Amino acid sequence: MRWSVDLSVTASALVMVMYICACLFRGPIDRAEYGVFMNNLYFLALTSIIVVAGGRLHRLLRVREFTLRYELDQNRSALEESNRKLVELGQIKNRFFANISHELRTPLTLLLAPLETLMQKFNRSFDGDTRDVLATMHSNGMRLLKLINDLLDLVRLESGRLEVKHEALNVSDFVKGLASAARQVADE
């Protein structure tokens, strides 16, 4: 266990006082012994300085370590709180997408059902342009429904309730769908 700076200074001073007392107790210091006495006193003073400086440095390092650990704990707590908020925001986002998708899908299916009925029952009574307009409306409605369903699938996928399945895609039907979506605008 390291000594505090005050204790190191006190111990160093006591050692120097004990050395001086021991030298004086032995008798007066003559000229020949004076050099040795001063040399030893100098050595003890330097050793004391090293001990005190080392103790001070060690104390500063321990305070710094404590401060860094405290800051690390504070940062960890802040990160955990931020992570919790991000998870919560992700859940809110997923609920929002699910709710908005359901709210968009319901009126869209209520529009598509009568449109499909018109196309099936009265298709022969409409002229070619009207049939094309109805087909474009149906195609774009189905495309929008697919986008909404994809959005719902994305929400299910993020929540872990959906597995990804790879399927082959008929490219010609896909391109025809894209072309029919833009056909009305191109014709106009």
N, C-alpha and C. Protein backbone atom coordinates (compact mmCIF):
# COMPACT_ATOMS: atom_id res chain seq x y z
N MET A 1 0.85 -1.17 0.00
CA MET A 1 0.00 0.00 0.00
C MET A 1 0.90 1.23 0.00
N ARG A 2 0.57 2.14 -0.90
CA ARG A 2 1.38 3.35 -1.03
C ARG A 2 1.06 4.33 0.09
N TRP A 3 2.10 5.07 0.49
CA TRP A 3 1.91 6.12 1.50
C TRP A 3 1.38 7.37 0.82
N SER A 4 0.69 8.17 1.61
CA SER A 4 0.26 9.46 1.09
C SER A 4 1.47 10.38 1.03
N VAL A 5 1.33 11.50 0.34
CA VAL A 5 2.44 12.46 0.20
C VAL A 5 2.83 13.00 1.57
N ASP A 6 1.84 13.33 2.38
CA ASP A 6 2.12 13.86 3.73
C ASP A 6 2.91 12.85 4.57
N LEU A 7 2.50 11.59 4.50
CA LEU A 7 3.18 10.56 5.25
C LEU A 7 4.60 10.35 4.73
N SER A 8 4.78 10.44 3.40
CA SER A 8 6.13 10.30 2.83
C SER A 8 7.03 11.44 3.27
N VAL A 9 6.50 12.66 3.29
CA VAL A 9 7.29 13.81 3.74
C VAL A 9 7.66 13.64 5.21
N THR A 10 6.69 13.23 6.01
CA THR A 10 6.92 13.03 7.45
C THR A 10 7.98 11.96 7.67
N ALA A 11 7.85 10.82 6.98
CA ALA A 11 8.82 9.73 7.15
C ALA A 11 10.21 10.17 6.70
N SER A 12 10.29 10.90 5.58
CA SER A 12 11.60 11.37 5.09
C SER A 12 12.22 12.33 6.09
N ALA A 13 11.42 13.24 6.62
CA ALA A 13 11.95 14.19 7.60
C ALA A 13 12.42 13.45 8.85
N LEU A 14 11.65 12.45 9.30
CA LEU A 14 12.05 11.67 10.47
C LEU A 14 13.36 10.92 10.22
N VAL A 15 13.53 10.36 9.05
CA VAL A 15 14.77 9.64 8.74
C VAL A 15 15.95 10.61 8.78
N MET A 16 15.77 11.80 8.21
CA MET A 16 16.87 12.78 8.22
C MET A 16 17.17 13.26 9.64
N VAL A 17 16.12 13.48 10.43
CA VAL A 17 16.33 13.91 11.82
C VAL A 17 17.02 12.80 12.60
N MET A 18 16.60 11.54 12.40
CA MET A 18 17.24 10.42 13.11
C MET A 18 18.70 10.31 12.69
N TYR A 19 19.01 10.53 11.42
CA TYR A 19 20.41 10.46 10.98
C TYR A 19 21.22 11.58 11.65
N ILE A 20 20.68 12.79 11.64
CA ILE A 20 21.40 13.91 12.25
C ILE A 20 21.59 13.67 13.75
N CYS A 21 20.53 13.17 14.43
CA CYS A 21 20.63 12.88 15.87
C CYS A 21 21.66 11.78 16.14
N ALA A 22 21.67 10.76 15.29
CA ALA A 22 22.63 9.67 15.48
C ALA A 22 24.06 10.18 15.31
N CYS A 23 24.24 11.06 14.34
CA CYS A 23 25.59 11.62 14.13
C CYS A 23 25.99 12.51 15.30
N LEU A 24 25.05 13.33 15.79
CA LEU A 24 25.37 14.22 16.90
C LEU A 24 25.53 13.44 18.20
N PHE A 25 24.77 12.35 18.37
CA PHE A 25 24.85 11.52 19.57
C PHE A 25 26.22 10.86 19.66
N ARG A 26 26.81 10.55 18.57
CA ARG A 26 28.11 9.91 18.53
C ARG A 26 29.22 10.87 18.96
N GLY A 27 28.91 12.12 18.83
CA GLY A 27 29.93 13.11 19.21
C GLY A 27 29.98 14.21 18.17
N PRO A 28 30.81 15.20 18.46
CA PRO A 28 30.89 16.29 17.48
C PRO A 28 31.50 15.82 16.17
N ILE A 29 31.05 16.46 15.08
CA ILE A 29 31.53 16.09 13.74
C ILE A 29 32.76 16.95 13.44
N ASP A 30 33.88 16.26 13.19
CA ASP A 30 35.09 17.01 12.87
C ASP A 30 35.19 17.25 11.36
N ARG A 31 36.24 17.95 10.97
CA ARG A 31 36.39 18.34 9.57
C ARG A 31 36.49 17.14 8.64
N ALA A 32 37.12 16.10 9.03
CA ALA A 32 37.32 14.91 8.19
C ALA A 32 35.99 14.19 7.98
N GLU A 33 35.14 14.15 8.98
CA GLU A 33 33.85 13.44 8.87
C GLU A 33 32.76 14.33 8.27
N TYR A 34 33.05 15.62 8.22
CA TYR A 34 32.03 16.55 7.74
C TYR A 34 31.62 16.25 6.29
N GLY A 35 32.56 15.91 5.43
CA GLY A 35 32.27 15.57 4.02
C GLY A 35 31.38 14.35 3.92
N VAL A 36 31.69 13.31 4.72
CA VAL A 36 30.87 12.10 4.70
C VAL A 36 29.47 12.41 5.22
N PHE A 37 29.43 13.20 6.31
CA PHE A 37 28.12 13.58 6.88
C PHE A 37 27.27 14.31 5.83
N MET A 38 27.83 15.29 5.15
CA MET A 38 27.09 16.06 4.15
C MET A 38 26.72 15.18 2.96
N ASN A 39 27.60 14.28 2.58
CA ASN A 39 27.32 13.37 1.47
C ASN A 39 26.14 12.46 1.81
N ASN A 40 26.14 11.91 3.00
CA ASN A 40 25.01 11.06 3.44
C ASN A 40 23.72 11.86 3.56
N LEU A 41 23.83 13.07 4.09
CA LEU A 41 22.65 13.93 4.22
C LEU A 41 22.09 14.28 2.84
N TYR A 42 23.00 14.56 1.89
CA TYR A 42 22.60 14.84 0.51
C TYR A 42 21.89 13.62 -0.10
N PHE A 43 22.45 12.43 0.12
CA PHE A 43 21.83 11.19 -0.39
C PHE A 43 20.44 11.00 0.21
N LEU A 44 20.30 11.21 1.52
CA LEU A 44 18.99 11.06 2.17
C LEU A 44 17.99 12.10 1.65
N ALA A 45 18.44 13.32 1.39
CA ALA A 45 17.55 14.36 0.86
C ALA A 45 17.07 13.99 -0.53
N LEU A 46 17.99 13.53 -1.39
CA LEU A 46 17.59 13.13 -2.75
C LEU A 46 16.65 11.93 -2.71
N THR A 47 16.95 10.95 -1.86
CA THR A 47 16.07 9.80 -1.72
C THR A 47 14.69 10.23 -1.25
N SER A 48 14.64 11.18 -0.32
CA SER A 48 13.37 11.70 0.18
C SER A 48 12.58 12.38 -0.94
N ILE A 49 13.30 13.15 -1.74
CA ILE A 49 12.63 13.82 -2.87
C ILE A 49 12.05 12.79 -3.84
N ILE A 50 12.81 11.75 -4.12
CA ILE A 50 12.33 10.69 -5.03
C ILE A 50 11.11 10.00 -4.45
N VAL A 51 11.16 9.68 -3.15
CA VAL A 51 10.04 9.01 -2.49
C VAL A 51 8.80 9.89 -2.50
N VAL A 52 8.96 11.16 -2.17
CA VAL A 52 7.82 12.08 -2.12
C VAL A 52 7.25 12.30 -3.53
N ALA A 53 8.14 12.51 -4.50
CA ALA A 53 7.68 12.73 -5.88
C ALA A 53 6.99 11.48 -6.43
N GLY A 54 7.58 10.31 -6.14
CA GLY A 54 6.94 9.06 -6.58
C GLY A 54 5.58 8.86 -5.94
N GLY A 55 5.46 9.16 -4.65
CA GLY A 55 4.16 9.05 -3.97
C GLY A 55 3.15 10.01 -4.56
N ARG A 56 3.61 11.23 -4.84
CA ARG A 56 2.70 12.24 -5.43
C ARG A 56 2.25 11.80 -6.82
N LEU A 57 3.19 11.32 -7.62
CA LEU A 57 2.87 10.86 -8.96
C LEU A 57 1.90 9.67 -8.91
N HIS A 58 2.17 8.76 -8.00
CA HIS A 58 1.29 7.60 -7.86
C HIS A 58 -0.12 8.03 -7.47
N ARG A 59 -0.20 8.99 -6.55
CA ARG A 59 -1.52 9.49 -6.13
C ARG A 59 -2.24 10.15 -7.30
N LEU A 60 -1.51 10.96 -8.07
CA LEU A 60 -2.12 11.61 -9.24
C LEU A 60 -2.63 10.58 -10.25
N LEU A 61 -1.84 9.53 -10.46
CA LEU A 61 -2.26 8.48 -11.39
C LEU A 61 -3.51 7.75 -10.89
N ARG A 62 -3.56 7.51 -9.58
CA ARG A 62 -4.75 6.84 -9.03
C ARG A 62 -5.99 7.72 -9.12
N VAL A 63 -5.81 9.03 -8.88
CA VAL A 63 -6.95 9.96 -9.02
C VAL A 63 -7.40 10.00 -10.47
N ARG A 64 -6.43 10.04 -11.39
CA ARG A 64 -6.77 10.06 -12.82
C ARG A 64 -7.49 8.77 -13.22
N GLU A 65 -7.02 7.64 -12.73
CA GLU A 65 -7.67 6.36 -13.03
C GLU A 65 -9.10 6.35 -12.49
N PHE A 66 -9.27 6.84 -11.28
CA PHE A 66 -10.61 6.90 -10.70
C PHE A 66 -11.52 7.80 -11.52
N THR A 67 -11.00 8.96 -11.93
CA THR A 67 -11.78 9.90 -12.74
C THR A 67 -12.17 9.27 -14.07
N LEU A 68 -11.21 8.60 -14.71
CA LEU A 68 -11.50 7.96 -16.00
C LEU A 68 -12.53 6.84 -15.85
N ARG A 69 -12.43 6.06 -14.78
CA ARG A 69 -13.42 5.00 -14.56
C ARG A 69 -14.80 5.58 -14.31
N TYR A 70 -14.84 6.68 -13.55
CA TYR A 70 -16.12 7.33 -13.30
C TYR A 70 -16.72 7.86 -14.61
N GLU A 71 -15.88 8.52 -15.43
CA GLU A 71 -16.36 9.03 -16.71
C GLU A 71 -16.79 7.89 -17.62
N LEU A 72 -16.06 6.79 -17.58
CA LEU A 72 -16.42 5.63 -18.39
C LEU A 72 -17.78 5.08 -17.96
N ASP A 73 -18.00 4.98 -16.67
CA ASP A 73 -19.30 4.53 -16.18
C ASP A 73 -20.42 5.48 -16.60
N GLN A 74 -20.15 6.79 -16.52
CA GLN A 74 -21.15 7.77 -16.95
C GLN A 74 -21.43 7.63 -18.44
N ASN A 75 -20.38 7.48 -19.24
CA ASN A 75 -20.56 7.32 -20.69
C ASN A 75 -21.29 6.03 -21.01
N ARG A 76 -20.95 4.97 -20.29
CA ARG A 76 -21.63 3.69 -20.51
C ARG A 76 -23.12 3.83 -20.20
N SER A 77 -23.44 4.52 -19.11
CA SER A 77 -24.84 4.74 -18.75
C SER A 77 -25.54 5.57 -19.82
N ALA A 78 -24.86 6.60 -20.31
CA ALA A 78 -25.45 7.44 -21.36
C ALA A 78 -25.65 6.64 -22.64
N LEU A 79 -24.68 5.79 -22.99
CA LEU A 79 -24.82 4.96 -24.18
C LEU A 79 -25.96 3.95 -24.04
N GLU A 80 -26.07 3.36 -22.87
CA GLU A 80 -27.16 2.41 -22.64
C GLU A 80 -28.52 3.11 -22.75
N GLU A 81 -28.59 4.33 -22.22
CA GLU A 81 -29.84 5.11 -22.32
C GLU A 81 -30.14 5.47 -23.77
N SER A 82 -29.11 5.89 -24.51
CA SER A 82 -29.29 6.21 -25.93
C SER A 82 -29.71 4.97 -26.71
N ASN A 83 -29.10 3.86 -26.41
CA ASN A 83 -29.45 2.62 -27.09
C ASN A 83 -30.89 2.23 -26.79
N ARG A 84 -31.30 2.39 -25.55
CA ARG A 84 -32.68 2.08 -25.18
C ARG A 84 -33.65 2.98 -25.94
N LYS A 85 -33.30 4.26 -26.03
CA LYS A 85 -34.16 5.19 -26.77
C LYS A 85 -34.21 4.85 -28.25
N LEU A 86 -33.06 4.46 -28.81
CA LEU A 86 -33.05 4.08 -30.23
C LEU A 86 -33.90 2.84 -30.49
N VAL A 87 -33.82 1.87 -29.58
CA VAL A 87 -34.65 0.67 -29.73
C VAL A 87 -36.12 1.04 -29.63
N GLU A 88 -36.42 1.92 -28.69
CA GLU A 88 -37.81 2.35 -28.52
C GLU A 88 -38.29 3.12 -29.77
N LEU A 89 -37.43 4.00 -30.31
CA LEU A 89 -37.80 4.72 -31.53
C LEU A 89 -37.98 3.77 -32.71
N GLY A 90 -37.15 2.74 -32.78
CA GLY A 90 -37.30 1.73 -33.83
C GLY A 90 -38.63 1.01 -33.73
N GLN A 91 -39.02 0.68 -32.51
CA GLN A 91 -40.31 0.03 -32.31
C GLN A 91 -41.46 0.97 -32.67
N ILE A 92 -41.35 2.24 -32.30
CA ILE A 92 -42.38 3.22 -32.64
C ILE A 92 -42.46 3.37 -34.16
N LYS A 93 -41.30 3.42 -34.83
CA LYS A 93 -41.27 3.52 -36.29
C LYS A 93 -41.95 2.31 -36.93
N ASN A 94 -41.65 1.13 -36.43
CA ASN A 94 -42.27 -0.08 -36.98
C ASN A 94 -43.78 -0.07 -36.79
N ARG A 95 -44.22 0.35 -35.59
CA ARG A 95 -45.68 0.43 -35.36
C ARG A 95 -46.31 1.45 -36.28
N PHE A 96 -45.62 2.60 -36.48
CA PHE A 96 -46.15 3.62 -37.36
C PHE A 96 -46.30 3.09 -38.78
N PHE A 97 -45.24 2.43 -39.29
CA PHE A 97 -45.32 1.88 -40.65
C PHE A 97 -46.41 0.82 -40.76
N ALA A 98 -46.53 0.00 -39.75
CA ALA A 98 -47.58 -1.03 -39.79
C ALA A 98 -48.96 -0.37 -39.78
N ASN A 99 -49.16 0.62 -38.92
CA ASN A 99 -50.46 1.28 -38.85
C ASN A 99 -50.78 2.03 -40.13
N ILE A 100 -49.82 2.78 -40.66
CA ILE A 100 -50.07 3.56 -41.86
C ILE A 100 -50.30 2.63 -43.05
N SER A 101 -49.59 1.53 -43.08
CA SER A 101 -49.78 0.57 -44.17
C SER A 101 -51.17 -0.03 -44.13
N HIS A 102 -51.63 -0.39 -42.96
CA HIS A 102 -52.99 -0.94 -42.83
C HIS A 102 -54.02 0.12 -43.21
N GLU A 103 -53.78 1.36 -42.79
CA GLU A 103 -54.72 2.44 -43.10
C GLU A 103 -54.75 2.75 -44.59
N LEU A 104 -53.64 2.58 -45.29
CA LEU A 104 -53.62 2.79 -46.73
C LEU A 104 -54.20 1.60 -47.48
N ARG A 105 -53.96 0.42 -46.96
CA ARG A 105 -54.40 -0.79 -47.65
C ARG A 105 -55.92 -0.94 -47.64
N THR A 106 -56.56 -0.57 -46.55
CA THR A 106 -58.01 -0.76 -46.44
C THR A 106 -58.77 0.04 -47.51
N PRO A 107 -58.57 1.37 -47.65
CA PRO A 107 -59.32 2.06 -48.70
C PRO A 107 -58.91 1.64 -50.10
N LEU A 108 -57.65 1.24 -50.27
CA LEU A 108 -57.22 0.79 -51.58
C LEU A 108 -57.94 -0.49 -51.99
N THR A 109 -58.07 -1.42 -51.07
CA THR A 109 -58.80 -2.66 -51.41
C THR A 109 -60.28 -2.36 -51.64
N LEU A 110 -60.81 -1.36 -50.93
CA LEU A 110 -62.21 -0.98 -51.16
C LEU A 110 -62.39 -0.29 -52.51
N LEU A 111 -61.34 0.28 -53.08
CA LEU A 111 -61.39 0.83 -54.44
C LEU A 111 -61.18 -0.24 -55.49
N LEU A 112 -60.28 -1.17 -55.23
CA LEU A 112 -59.95 -2.19 -56.21
C LEU A 112 -61.09 -3.19 -56.41
N ALA A 113 -61.79 -3.52 -55.33
CA ALA A 113 -62.87 -4.52 -55.45
C ALA A 113 -63.96 -4.05 -56.42
N PRO A 114 -64.53 -2.83 -56.31
CA PRO A 114 -65.52 -2.39 -57.30
C PRO A 114 -64.93 -2.23 -58.70
N LEU A 115 -63.68 -1.83 -58.78
CA LEU A 115 -63.03 -1.71 -60.09
C LEU A 115 -62.94 -3.06 -60.77
N GLU A 116 -62.56 -4.09 -60.03
CA GLU A 116 -62.50 -5.45 -60.59
C GLU A 116 -63.89 -5.93 -61.00
N THR A 117 -64.91 -5.58 -60.20
CA THR A 117 -66.28 -5.94 -60.55
C THR A 117 -66.68 -5.27 -61.85
N LEU A 118 -66.38 -3.98 -62.01
CA LEU A 118 -66.67 -3.26 -63.26
C LEU A 118 -65.98 -3.92 -64.44
N MET A 119 -64.72 -4.28 -64.25
CA MET A 119 -63.95 -4.86 -65.34
C MET A 119 -64.48 -6.24 -65.72
N GLN A 120 -64.96 -7.02 -64.76
CA GLN A 120 -65.46 -8.36 -65.05
C GLN A 120 -66.87 -8.34 -65.63
N LYS A 121 -67.77 -7.55 -65.04
CA LYS A 121 -69.17 -7.59 -65.46
C LYS A 121 -69.44 -6.75 -66.71
N PHE A 122 -68.82 -5.59 -66.78
CA PHE A 122 -69.17 -4.66 -67.85
C PHE A 122 -68.04 -4.44 -68.84
N ASN A 123 -67.09 -5.31 -68.87
CA ASN A 123 -65.91 -5.14 -69.72
C ASN A 123 -66.31 -5.07 -71.19
N ARG A 124 -67.26 -5.87 -71.62
CA ARG A 124 -67.65 -5.92 -73.03
C ARG A 124 -68.43 -4.67 -73.45
N SER A 125 -69.10 -4.03 -72.50
CA SER A 125 -69.90 -2.86 -72.86
C SER A 125 -69.07 -1.58 -72.96
N PHE A 126 -67.82 -1.59 -72.48
CA PHE A 126 -66.95 -0.41 -72.57
C PHE A 126 -66.20 -0.41 -73.89
N ASP A 127 -65.90 0.79 -74.35
CA ASP A 127 -65.07 0.88 -75.55
C ASP A 127 -63.61 0.60 -75.18
N GLY A 128 -62.75 0.51 -76.17
CA GLY A 128 -61.35 0.14 -75.96
C GLY A 128 -60.59 1.11 -75.07
N ASP A 129 -60.83 2.41 -75.25
CA ASP A 129 -60.11 3.40 -74.42
C ASP A 129 -60.51 3.29 -72.96
N THR A 130 -61.82 3.08 -72.71
CA THR A 130 -62.29 2.95 -71.32
C THR A 130 -61.71 1.70 -70.69
N ARG A 131 -61.67 0.61 -71.47
CA ARG A 131 -61.07 -0.64 -70.94
C ARG A 131 -59.58 -0.42 -70.61
N ASP A 132 -58.89 0.31 -71.46
CA ASP A 132 -57.47 0.59 -71.20
C ASP A 132 -57.30 1.44 -69.94
N VAL A 133 -58.16 2.44 -69.77
CA VAL A 133 -58.08 3.29 -68.58
C VAL A 133 -58.37 2.46 -67.33
N LEU A 134 -59.40 1.61 -67.40
CA LEU A 134 -59.72 0.74 -66.25
C LEU A 134 -58.57 -0.22 -65.96
N ALA A 135 -57.97 -0.77 -67.02
CA ALA A 135 -56.83 -1.69 -66.83
C ALA A 135 -55.65 -0.96 -66.20
N THR A 136 -55.40 0.28 -66.65
CA THR A 136 -54.31 1.07 -66.06
C THR A 136 -54.60 1.37 -64.60
N MET A 137 -55.84 1.76 -64.31
CA MET A 137 -56.22 2.03 -62.91
C MET A 137 -56.03 0.78 -62.06
N HIS A 138 -56.48 -0.36 -62.59
CA HIS A 138 -56.34 -1.62 -61.84
C HIS A 138 -54.88 -1.98 -61.65
N SER A 139 -54.10 -1.84 -62.73
CA SER A 139 -52.67 -2.17 -62.65
C SER A 139 -51.96 -1.29 -61.63
N ASN A 140 -52.21 0.02 -61.64
CA ASN A 140 -51.57 0.92 -60.69
C ASN A 140 -52.08 0.69 -59.27
N GLY A 141 -53.36 0.37 -59.13
CA GLY A 141 -53.89 0.04 -57.80
C GLY A 141 -53.23 -1.20 -57.24
N MET A 142 -53.06 -2.22 -58.09
CA MET A 142 -52.40 -3.46 -57.64
C MET A 142 -50.92 -3.20 -57.31
N ARG A 143 -50.31 -2.32 -58.11
CA ARG A 143 -48.92 -1.97 -57.85
C ARG A 143 -48.79 -1.26 -56.49
N LEU A 144 -49.69 -0.33 -56.23
CA LEU A 144 -49.69 0.37 -54.94
C LEU A 144 -49.97 -0.61 -53.80
N LEU A 145 -50.88 -1.54 -54.00
CA LEU A 145 -51.17 -2.55 -52.98
C LEU A 145 -49.94 -3.41 -52.71
N LYS A 146 -49.21 -3.75 -53.79
CA LYS A 146 -47.99 -4.54 -53.61
C LYS A 146 -46.94 -3.74 -52.81
N LEU A 147 -46.81 -2.44 -53.11
CA LEU A 147 -45.86 -1.61 -52.36
C LEU A 147 -46.24 -1.54 -50.88
N ILE A 148 -47.52 -1.41 -50.60
CA ILE A 148 -47.98 -1.37 -49.20
C ILE A 148 -47.72 -2.70 -48.53
N ASN A 149 -47.99 -3.80 -49.24
CA ASN A 149 -47.70 -5.13 -48.68
C ASN A 149 -46.21 -5.33 -48.45
N ASP A 150 -45.38 -4.80 -49.36
CA ASP A 150 -43.93 -4.88 -49.17
C ASP A 150 -43.50 -4.10 -47.94
N LEU A 151 -44.14 -2.95 -47.71
CA LEU A 151 -43.84 -2.16 -46.51
C LEU A 151 -44.21 -2.94 -45.25
N LEU A 152 -45.36 -3.59 -45.28
CA LEU A 152 -45.75 -4.42 -44.14
C LEU A 152 -44.79 -5.59 -43.95
N ASP A 153 -44.35 -6.19 -45.06
CA ASP A 153 -43.37 -7.28 -44.96
C ASP A 153 -42.06 -6.78 -44.38
N LEU A 154 -41.66 -5.56 -44.74
CA LEU A 154 -40.43 -5.00 -44.18
C LEU A 154 -40.55 -4.82 -42.67
N VAL A 155 -41.70 -4.37 -42.21
CA VAL A 155 -41.93 -4.22 -40.77
C VAL A 155 -41.89 -5.58 -40.09
N ARG A 156 -42.51 -6.57 -40.71
CA ARG A 156 -42.48 -7.94 -40.15
C ARG A 156 -41.06 -8.49 -40.14
N LEU A 157 -40.31 -8.20 -41.20
CA LEU A 157 -38.93 -8.68 -41.29
C LEU A 157 -38.07 -8.06 -40.19
N GLU A 158 -38.21 -6.75 -39.96
CA GLU A 158 -37.43 -6.09 -38.90
C GLU A 158 -37.80 -6.59 -37.52
N SER A 159 -39.06 -6.96 -37.34
CA SER A 159 -39.47 -7.44 -36.02
C SER A 159 -39.17 -8.93 -35.84
N GLY A 160 -38.67 -9.58 -36.89
CA GLY A 160 -38.30 -10.99 -36.79
C GLY A 160 -39.46 -11.95 -36.98
N ARG A 161 -40.59 -11.46 -37.50
CA ARG A 161 -41.75 -12.33 -37.69
C ARG A 161 -41.91 -12.79 -39.14
N LEU A 162 -40.91 -12.57 -39.97
CA LEU A 162 -41.01 -12.93 -41.38
C LEU A 162 -39.69 -13.52 -41.84
N GLU A 163 -39.78 -14.57 -42.60
CA GLU A 163 -38.58 -15.16 -43.18
C GLU A 163 -38.51 -14.77 -44.65
N VAL A 164 -37.32 -14.53 -45.12
CA VAL A 164 -37.12 -14.14 -46.51
C VAL A 164 -37.14 -15.40 -47.36
N LYS A 165 -37.93 -15.35 -48.45
CA LYS A 165 -37.99 -16.47 -49.40
C LYS A 165 -37.59 -15.95 -50.77
N HIS A 166 -36.70 -16.66 -51.41
CA HIS A 166 -36.26 -16.28 -52.75
C HIS A 166 -37.23 -16.89 -53.76
N GLU A 167 -37.69 -16.06 -54.72
CA GLU A 167 -38.59 -16.54 -55.76
C GLU A 167 -38.09 -16.03 -57.10
N ALA A 168 -38.39 -16.82 -58.12
CA ALA A 168 -38.07 -16.39 -59.48
C ALA A 168 -39.07 -15.31 -59.89
N LEU A 169 -38.62 -14.40 -60.72
CA LEU A 169 -39.46 -13.29 -61.17
C LEU A 169 -39.57 -13.35 -62.68
N ASN A 170 -40.81 -13.26 -63.17
CA ASN A 170 -41.03 -13.20 -64.60
C ASN A 170 -40.78 -11.77 -65.04
N VAL A 171 -39.64 -11.55 -65.67
CA VAL A 171 -39.21 -10.20 -66.00
C VAL A 171 -40.14 -9.56 -67.03
N SER A 172 -40.63 -10.36 -67.97
CA SER A 172 -41.49 -9.76 -69.00
C SER A 172 -42.79 -9.22 -68.39
N ASP A 173 -43.39 -9.95 -67.45
CA ASP A 173 -44.59 -9.44 -66.79
C ASP A 173 -44.27 -8.19 -65.97
N PHE A 174 -43.12 -8.17 -65.34
CA PHE A 174 -42.71 -7.02 -64.54
C PHE A 174 -42.55 -5.78 -65.43
N VAL A 175 -41.89 -5.95 -66.57
CA VAL A 175 -41.68 -4.83 -67.49
C VAL A 175 -43.01 -4.38 -68.10
N LYS A 176 -43.91 -5.36 -68.42
CA LYS A 176 -45.23 -4.99 -68.96
C LYS A 176 -46.01 -4.19 -67.93
N GLY A 177 -45.90 -4.55 -66.66
CA GLY A 177 -46.59 -3.80 -65.61
C GLY A 177 -46.07 -2.38 -65.50
N LEU A 178 -44.76 -2.23 -65.60
CA LEU A 178 -44.17 -0.89 -65.57
C LEU A 178 -44.60 -0.08 -66.79
N ALA A 179 -44.62 -0.74 -67.94
CA ALA A 179 -45.01 -0.04 -69.17
C ALA A 179 -46.47 0.37 -69.13
N SER A 180 -47.33 -0.50 -68.62
CA SER A 180 -48.76 -0.14 -68.56
C SER A 180 -49.00 0.99 -67.57
N ALA A 181 -48.18 1.09 -66.54
CA ALA A 181 -48.32 2.18 -65.59
C ALA A 181 -47.99 3.50 -66.24
N ALA A 182 -47.07 3.51 -67.15
CA ALA A 182 -46.66 4.76 -67.79
C ALA A 182 -47.35 4.96 -69.14
N ARG A 183 -48.11 3.98 -69.61
CA ARG A 183 -48.72 4.03 -70.94
C ARG A 183 -49.70 5.19 -71.07
N GLN A 184 -50.56 5.36 -70.07
CA GLN A 184 -51.57 6.41 -70.13
C GLN A 184 -50.93 7.78 -70.25
N VAL A 185 -49.88 8.00 -69.43
CA VAL A 185 -49.18 9.29 -69.48
C VAL A 185 -48.49 9.46 -70.84
N ALA A 186 -47.89 8.39 -71.36
CA ALA A 186 -47.20 8.46 -72.65
C ALA A 186 -48.19 8.73 -73.77
N ASP A 187 -49.38 8.11 -73.70
CA ASP A 187 -50.40 8.35 -74.72
C ASP A 187 -50.86 9.80 -74.71
N GLU A 188 -51.01 10.35 -73.51
CA GLU A 188 -51.47 11.74 -73.44
C GLU A 188 -50.40 12.67 -73.91
